[in-house]
Amino acid sequence: MTGTQLVSVVLLGAGVLVAVVSSLGALWMPSVRDRMHFLTPVTSLAGPLVGAALAVANGWGTTTGQILLVVVLLAVTGPVLQIATGRLVGERGESTSERGAG
């Protein structure tokens, strides 16, 4: 295994670990507002780590540019989407919604 492959695997593993831990944490939270806090690590850490792993694995090129563009868009729009969702939840008064409620 080369150094580039090792760096790529480590970055990918870290990104997947952050996403899995955030998902498991969100499962344990009772309210929508509490669960929303677990979205931030996915958009601000897991996405960029996975994107960096793919960029390292692919090397520089148009594919890497597209990957990095998607990662930047995720990092920029993720918090905005979370704020909009939080406002909607606050307006509707759904801060203690039941799990599994449709």
N, C-alpha and C. Protein backbone atom coordinates (compact mmCIF):
# COMPACT_ATOMS: atom_id res chain seq x y z
N MET A 1 0.85 -1.17 0.00
CA MET A 1 0.00 0.00 0.00
C MET A 1 0.90 1.24 0.00
N THR A 2 0.65 2.12 -0.93
CA THR A 2 1.45 3.34 -1.04
C THR A 2 1.00 4.37 -0.01
N GLY A 3 1.77 5.42 0.13
CA GLY A 3 1.42 6.48 1.07
C GLY A 3 0.14 7.19 0.68
N THR A 4 -0.07 7.39 -0.61
CA THR A 4 -1.30 8.03 -1.09
C THR A 4 -2.52 7.19 -0.78
N GLN A 5 -2.40 5.88 -0.98
CA GLN A 5 -3.52 4.99 -0.67
C GLN A 5 -3.80 4.99 0.83
N LEU A 6 -2.76 4.99 1.64
CA LEU A 6 -2.94 5.00 3.09
C LEU A 6 -3.64 6.26 3.56
N VAL A 7 -3.21 7.41 3.05
CA VAL A 7 -3.86 8.67 3.40
C VAL A 7 -5.32 8.66 2.98
N SER A 8 -5.59 8.15 1.80
CA SER A 8 -6.96 8.08 1.31
C SER A 8 -7.83 7.19 2.18
N VAL A 9 -7.30 6.04 2.57
CA VAL A 9 -8.07 5.11 3.41
C VAL A 9 -8.32 5.71 4.79
N VAL A 10 -7.32 6.39 5.35
CA VAL A 10 -7.49 7.00 6.67
C VAL A 10 -8.54 8.11 6.62
N LEU A 11 -8.48 8.97 5.59
CA LEU A 11 -9.48 10.03 5.45
C LEU A 11 -10.88 9.46 5.26
N LEU A 12 -10.99 8.44 4.42
CA LEU A 12 -12.29 7.82 4.18
C LEU A 12 -12.83 7.18 5.46
N GLY A 13 -11.97 6.47 6.18
CA GLY A 13 -12.39 5.85 7.44
C GLY A 13 -12.85 6.87 8.45
N ALA A 14 -12.14 7.99 8.55
CA ALA A 14 -12.53 9.04 9.48
C ALA A 14 -13.88 9.64 9.09
N GLY A 15 -14.08 9.88 7.80
CA GLY A 15 -15.35 10.43 7.34
C GLY A 15 -16.52 9.50 7.60
N VAL A 16 -16.32 8.22 7.34
CA VAL A 16 -17.38 7.24 7.58
C VAL A 16 -17.66 7.12 9.09
N LEU A 17 -16.61 7.15 9.89
CA LEU A 17 -16.79 7.07 11.35
C LEU A 17 -17.60 8.24 11.87
N VAL A 18 -17.29 9.44 11.40
CA VAL A 18 -18.05 10.62 11.82
C VAL A 18 -19.52 10.49 11.42
N ALA A 19 -19.78 10.03 10.21
CA ALA A 19 -21.16 9.88 9.74
C ALA A 19 -21.92 8.83 10.55
N VAL A 20 -21.28 7.71 10.85
CA VAL A 20 -21.94 6.65 11.60
C VAL A 20 -22.22 7.09 13.04
N VAL A 21 -21.23 7.71 13.68
CA VAL A 21 -21.42 8.16 15.06
C VAL A 21 -22.52 9.23 15.13
N SER A 22 -22.54 10.14 14.17
CA SER A 22 -23.59 11.16 14.14
C SER A 22 -24.97 10.54 13.94
N SER A 23 -25.05 9.54 13.08
CA SER A 23 -26.33 8.87 12.84
C SER A 23 -26.81 8.15 14.10
N LEU A 24 -25.90 7.45 14.75
CA LEU A 24 -26.28 6.76 15.99
C LEU A 24 -26.68 7.74 17.08
N GLY A 25 -25.96 8.84 17.17
CA GLY A 25 -26.32 9.86 18.16
C GLY A 25 -27.69 10.45 17.89
N ALA A 26 -28.01 10.68 16.62
CA ALA A 26 -29.32 11.23 16.27
C ALA A 26 -30.44 10.27 16.63
N LEU A 27 -30.17 8.98 16.57
CA LEU A 27 -31.21 7.99 16.92
C LEU A 27 -31.60 8.07 18.38
N TRP A 28 -30.69 8.50 19.24
CA TRP A 28 -30.94 8.52 20.68
C TRP A 28 -31.59 9.81 21.16
N MET A 29 -31.64 10.83 20.34
CA MET A 29 -32.19 12.11 20.76
C MET A 29 -33.72 12.10 20.68
N PRO A 30 -34.37 12.65 21.68
CA PRO A 30 -35.84 12.59 21.72
C PRO A 30 -36.54 13.62 20.85
N SER A 31 -35.92 14.77 20.60
CA SER A 31 -36.64 15.81 19.88
C SER A 31 -35.96 16.13 18.55
N VAL A 32 -36.72 16.78 17.69
CA VAL A 32 -36.21 17.14 16.38
C VAL A 32 -35.06 18.13 16.52
N ARG A 33 -35.20 19.09 17.41
CA ARG A 33 -34.13 20.08 17.60
C ARG A 33 -32.84 19.44 18.07
N ASP A 34 -32.94 18.47 18.95
CA ASP A 34 -31.74 17.77 19.41
C ASP A 34 -31.12 16.94 18.29
N ARG A 35 -31.94 16.30 17.49
CA ARG A 35 -31.43 15.48 16.39
C ARG A 35 -30.76 16.33 15.31
N MET A 36 -31.23 17.57 15.13
CA MET A 36 -30.66 18.43 14.10
C MET A 36 -29.19 18.75 14.37
N HIS A 37 -28.79 18.77 15.64
CA HIS A 37 -27.39 19.06 15.97
C HIS A 37 -26.44 18.00 15.44
N PHE A 38 -26.94 16.82 15.19
CA PHE A 38 -26.10 15.75 14.68
C PHE A 38 -25.92 15.81 13.16
N LEU A 39 -26.60 16.75 12.49
CA LEU A 39 -26.38 16.95 11.06
C LEU A 39 -25.10 17.74 10.79
N THR A 40 -24.74 18.61 11.70
CA THR A 40 -23.58 19.47 11.49
C THR A 40 -22.29 18.69 11.27
N PRO A 41 -21.98 17.66 12.09
CA PRO A 41 -20.74 16.93 11.82
C PRO A 41 -20.75 16.22 10.46
N VAL A 42 -21.90 15.83 10.00
CA VAL A 42 -21.96 15.14 8.70
C VAL A 42 -21.64 16.11 7.57
N THR A 43 -22.23 17.31 7.61
CA THR A 43 -22.00 18.26 6.52
C THR A 43 -20.67 18.98 6.64
N SER A 44 -20.19 19.21 7.87
CA SER A 44 -18.96 19.99 8.02
C SER A 44 -17.71 19.13 8.22
N LEU A 45 -17.85 17.86 8.59
CA LEU A 45 -16.69 17.00 8.79
C LEU A 45 -16.68 15.77 7.87
N ALA A 46 -17.75 14.99 7.91
CA ALA A 46 -17.77 13.73 7.16
C ALA A 46 -17.70 13.97 5.65
N GLY A 47 -18.49 14.90 5.15
CA GLY A 47 -18.47 15.20 3.73
C GLY A 47 -17.10 15.65 3.23
N PRO A 48 -16.50 16.65 3.88
CA PRO A 48 -15.15 17.05 3.45
C PRO A 48 -14.10 15.96 3.62
N LEU A 49 -14.19 15.13 4.64
CA LEU A 49 -13.21 14.05 4.79
C LEU A 49 -13.34 13.03 3.66
N VAL A 50 -14.56 12.66 3.33
CA VAL A 50 -14.77 11.71 2.23
C VAL A 50 -14.34 12.35 0.91
N GLY A 51 -14.67 13.62 0.71
CA GLY A 51 -14.25 14.32 -0.49
C GLY A 51 -12.73 14.40 -0.61
N ALA A 52 -12.07 14.68 0.51
CA ALA A 52 -10.60 14.73 0.50
C ALA A 52 -10.02 13.36 0.20
N ALA A 53 -10.63 12.31 0.73
CA ALA A 53 -10.16 10.95 0.45
C ALA A 53 -10.27 10.64 -1.04
N LEU A 54 -11.39 11.02 -1.65
CA LEU A 54 -11.56 10.79 -3.08
C LEU A 54 -10.60 11.64 -3.90
N ALA A 55 -10.36 12.87 -3.46
CA ALA A 55 -9.43 13.73 -4.17
C ALA A 55 -8.01 13.18 -4.11
N VAL A 56 -7.60 12.68 -2.95
CA VAL A 56 -6.26 12.10 -2.82
C VAL A 56 -6.15 10.84 -3.67
N ALA A 57 -7.19 10.03 -3.67
CA ALA A 57 -7.16 8.77 -4.44
C ALA A 57 -7.13 9.02 -5.94
N ASN A 58 -7.84 10.07 -6.41
CA ASN A 58 -7.93 10.34 -7.84
C ASN A 58 -6.79 11.19 -8.38
N GLY A 59 -6.12 11.94 -7.53
CA GLY A 59 -5.11 12.88 -8.02
C GLY A 59 -5.78 14.12 -8.59
N TRP A 60 -4.97 15.06 -9.10
CA TRP A 60 -5.53 16.29 -9.62
C TRP A 60 -6.07 16.09 -11.03
N GLY A 61 -7.27 16.61 -11.25
CA GLY A 61 -7.91 16.51 -12.55
C GLY A 61 -9.30 17.08 -12.49
N THR A 62 -10.05 16.91 -13.56
CA THR A 62 -11.41 17.45 -13.59
C THR A 62 -12.33 16.72 -12.62
N THR A 63 -12.11 15.42 -12.45
CA THR A 63 -12.93 14.67 -11.49
C THR A 63 -12.72 15.19 -10.08
N THR A 64 -11.48 15.44 -9.72
CA THR A 64 -11.19 15.97 -8.39
C THR A 64 -11.80 17.36 -8.23
N GLY A 65 -11.76 18.17 -9.26
CA GLY A 65 -12.39 19.48 -9.20
C GLY A 65 -13.88 19.40 -8.95
N GLN A 66 -14.54 18.45 -9.61
CA GLN A 66 -15.97 18.26 -9.41
C GLN A 66 -16.28 17.77 -8.00
N ILE A 67 -15.44 16.86 -7.50
CA ILE A 67 -15.62 16.35 -6.14
C ILE A 67 -15.49 17.50 -5.14
N LEU A 68 -14.46 18.31 -5.30
CA LEU A 68 -14.24 19.42 -4.37
C LEU A 68 -15.35 20.46 -4.47
N LEU A 69 -15.90 20.68 -5.65
CA LEU A 69 -17.03 21.59 -5.81
C LEU A 69 -18.24 21.09 -5.03
N VAL A 70 -18.53 19.81 -5.13
CA VAL A 70 -19.66 19.22 -4.40
C VAL A 70 -19.43 19.33 -2.89
N VAL A 71 -18.21 19.10 -2.44
CA VAL A 71 -17.90 19.18 -1.01
C VAL A 71 -18.09 20.61 -0.51
N VAL A 72 -17.64 21.58 -1.28
CA VAL A 72 -17.81 22.98 -0.89
C VAL A 72 -19.30 23.34 -0.84
N LEU A 73 -20.06 22.92 -1.84
CA LEU A 73 -21.51 23.20 -1.84
C LEU A 73 -22.20 22.55 -0.65
N LEU A 74 -21.80 21.34 -0.30
CA LEU A 74 -22.37 20.67 0.88
C LEU A 74 -22.04 21.44 2.15
N ALA A 75 -20.79 21.87 2.27
CA ALA A 75 -20.37 22.59 3.47
C ALA A 75 -21.06 23.95 3.59
N VAL A 76 -21.36 24.58 2.45
CA VAL A 76 -22.01 25.90 2.47
C VAL A 76 -23.51 25.78 2.67
N THR A 77 -24.14 24.84 2.00
CA THR A 77 -25.60 24.74 2.08
C THR A 77 -26.10 23.94 3.27
N GLY A 78 -25.27 23.08 3.84
CA GLY A 78 -25.70 22.26 4.98
C GLY A 78 -26.18 23.09 6.17
N PRO A 79 -25.38 24.04 6.65
CA PRO A 79 -25.84 24.87 7.76
C PRO A 79 -27.07 25.71 7.43
N VAL A 80 -27.16 26.19 6.20
CA VAL A 80 -28.33 26.99 5.80
C VAL A 80 -29.58 26.14 5.86
N LEU A 81 -29.50 24.91 5.37
CA LEU A 81 -30.64 24.00 5.42
C LEU A 81 -31.01 23.68 6.87
N GLN A 82 -30.02 23.51 7.72
CA GLN A 82 -30.29 23.22 9.12
C GLN A 82 -30.98 24.40 9.81
N ILE A 83 -30.56 25.62 9.52
CA ILE A 83 -31.19 26.79 10.10
C ILE A 83 -32.64 26.91 9.63
N ALA A 84 -32.87 26.69 8.34
CA ALA A 84 -34.24 26.77 7.81
C ALA A 84 -35.13 25.71 8.44
N THR A 85 -34.59 24.50 8.61
CA THR A 85 -35.36 23.43 9.24
C THR A 85 -35.66 23.78 10.70
N GLY A 86 -34.67 24.32 11.40
CA GLY A 86 -34.87 24.71 12.80
C GLY A 86 -35.95 25.78 12.95
N ARG A 87 -35.94 26.74 12.05
CA ARG A 87 -36.99 27.77 12.10
C ARG A 87 -38.37 27.18 11.86
N LEU A 88 -38.46 26.29 10.89
CA LEU A 88 -39.74 25.66 10.59
C LEU A 88 -40.23 24.83 11.79
N VAL A 89 -39.33 24.11 12.41
CA VAL A 89 -39.70 23.31 13.58
C VAL A 89 -40.15 24.23 14.72
N GLY A 90 -39.44 25.34 14.89
CA GLY A 90 -39.81 26.29 15.94
C GLY A 90 -41.17 26.93 15.69
N GLU A 91 -41.47 27.26 14.44
CA GLU A 91 -42.76 27.86 14.11
C GLU A 91 -43.91 26.89 14.32
N ARG A 92 -43.67 25.63 14.03
CA ARG A 92 -44.73 24.64 14.17
C ARG A 92 -44.82 24.07 15.57
N GLY A 93 -43.83 24.35 16.41
CA GLY A 93 -43.86 23.86 17.78
C GLY A 93 -43.65 22.36 17.87
N GLU A 94 -42.79 21.80 17.03
CA GLU A 94 -42.57 20.36 16.99
C GLU A 94 -41.27 19.97 17.70
N SER A 95 -40.93 20.64 18.77
CA SER A 95 -39.64 20.37 19.40
C SER A 95 -39.62 19.05 20.16
N THR A 96 -40.77 18.46 20.40
CA THR A 96 -40.81 17.17 21.11
C THR A 96 -41.56 16.12 20.32
N SER A 97 -41.31 16.07 19.02
CA SER A 97 -42.03 15.09 18.21
C SER A 97 -41.63 13.69 18.56
N GLU A 98 -42.54 12.78 18.39
CA GLU A 98 -42.32 11.37 18.70
C GLU A 98 -41.49 10.72 17.63
N ARG A 99 -40.70 9.73 18.01
CA ARG A 99 -39.96 8.95 17.02
C ARG A 99 -40.91 8.11 16.22
N GLY A 100 -40.64 8.04 14.93
CA GLY A 100 -41.43 7.18 14.08
C GLY A 100 -42.78 7.77 13.70
N ALA A 101 -43.08 8.98 14.18
CA ALA A 101 -44.35 9.58 13.82
C ALA A 101 -44.29 10.08 12.39
N GLY A 102 -45.29 9.79 11.61
CA GLY A 102 -45.28 10.18 10.20
C GLY A 102 -45.87 11.48 9.99
